[in-house]
Amino acid sequence: GVHKISKREVAIKIVSKAIYHLVYAAADARDRGPEVMLASFDLELYDVFESKSHIEIVMEIMKGEDLFTYL
């Protein structure tokens, strides 16, 4: 996607809340939000949206890598 304010190309990650909570439970980080997790990877976080079933993370693009590789 493209961030409307900065006009930078961004990655938009859509994660099922069920999967999100499983990953965080396994990482002992259940009470932390995506902002805390991404800060540890030195990634710029632009926005986080939450629906009833999904979390949408708008973040800096990780060229050649996958977010879940880091998890």
Protein backbone atom coordinates (compact mmCIF):
# COMPACT_ATOMS: atom_id res chain seq x y z
CA GLY A 1 0.00 0.00 0.00
CA VAL A 2 0.91 3.68 0.10
CA HIS A 3 0.78 5.70 3.33
CA LYS A 4 -1.53 8.66 2.64
CA ILE A 5 0.43 11.20 4.67
CA SER A 6 4.06 10.33 3.92
CA LYS A 7 3.39 8.88 0.44
CA ARG A 8 5.82 6.05 1.29
CA GLU A 9 5.25 2.50 0.17
CA VAL A 10 4.12 0.46 3.20
CA ALA A 11 3.37 -3.12 4.10
CA ILE A 12 -0.10 -3.91 5.38
CA LYS A 13 -0.23 -7.05 7.49
CA ILE A 14 -3.67 -8.48 8.25
CA VAL A 15 -3.52 -11.00 11.06
CA SER A 16 -6.33 -13.10 12.49
CA LYS A 17 -6.76 -12.30 16.19
CA ALA A 18 -6.76 -16.03 16.94
CA ILE A 19 -3.32 -16.44 15.31
CA TYR A 20 -2.06 -13.16 16.80
CA HIS A 21 -2.86 -14.30 20.34
CA LEU A 22 -1.29 -17.72 19.77
CA VAL A 23 1.95 -16.15 18.55
CA TYR A 24 2.08 -13.72 21.47
CA ALA A 25 1.29 -16.44 24.01
CA ALA A 26 4.14 -18.53 22.60
CA ALA A 27 6.47 -15.52 22.73
CA ASP A 28 5.41 -14.66 26.31
CA ALA A 29 4.35 -11.23 25.05
CA ARG A 30 0.58 -11.60 25.17
CA ASP A 31 0.02 -8.28 26.97
CA ARG A 32 2.12 -6.27 24.52
CA GLY A 33 0.74 -4.69 21.40
CA PRO A 34 2.18 -4.72 17.89
CA GLU A 35 3.87 -1.38 18.61
CA VAL A 36 6.10 -2.97 21.26
CA MET A 37 6.88 -6.01 19.11
CA LEU A 38 7.81 -3.97 16.03
CA ALA A 39 9.97 -1.56 18.04
CA SER A 40 12.21 -4.48 18.95
CA PHE A 41 12.80 -5.08 15.20
CA ASP A 42 13.61 -1.42 14.49
CA LEU A 43 10.66 -1.10 12.10
CA GLU A 44 8.59 2.01 11.61
CA LEU A 45 4.97 1.49 12.56
CA TYR A 46 2.52 3.81 10.80
CA ASP A 47 -0.83 2.63 12.16
CA VAL A 48 -2.76 -0.27 13.71
CA PHE A 49 -6.42 -0.96 13.06
CA GLU A 50 -8.49 -3.52 14.89
CA SER A 51 -11.72 -5.20 13.84
CA LYS A 52 -13.68 -7.87 15.66
CA SER A 53 -11.68 -10.69 14.04
CA HIS A 54 -8.45 -9.15 12.68
CA ILE A 55 -5.61 -6.77 13.46
CA GLU A 56 -4.29 -4.71 10.55
CA ILE A 57 -0.75 -3.38 10.89
CA VAL A 58 0.52 -0.65 8.56
CA MET A 59 4.30 -0.70 8.74
CA GLU A 60 7.59 -0.15 6.99
CA ILE A 61 8.28 -2.65 4.22
CA MET A 62 10.78 -5.38 5.02
CA LYS A 63 12.32 -6.07 1.65
CA GLY A 64 13.32 -9.71 1.24
CA GLU A 65 11.98 -10.79 4.65
CA ASP A 66 8.72 -11.90 6.20
CA LEU A 67 7.45 -10.51 9.52
CA PHE A 68 6.72 -14.00 10.79
CA THR A 69 10.35 -15.00 10.19
CA TYR A 70 11.21 -12.64 13.04
CA LEU A 71 8.52 -13.97 15.36
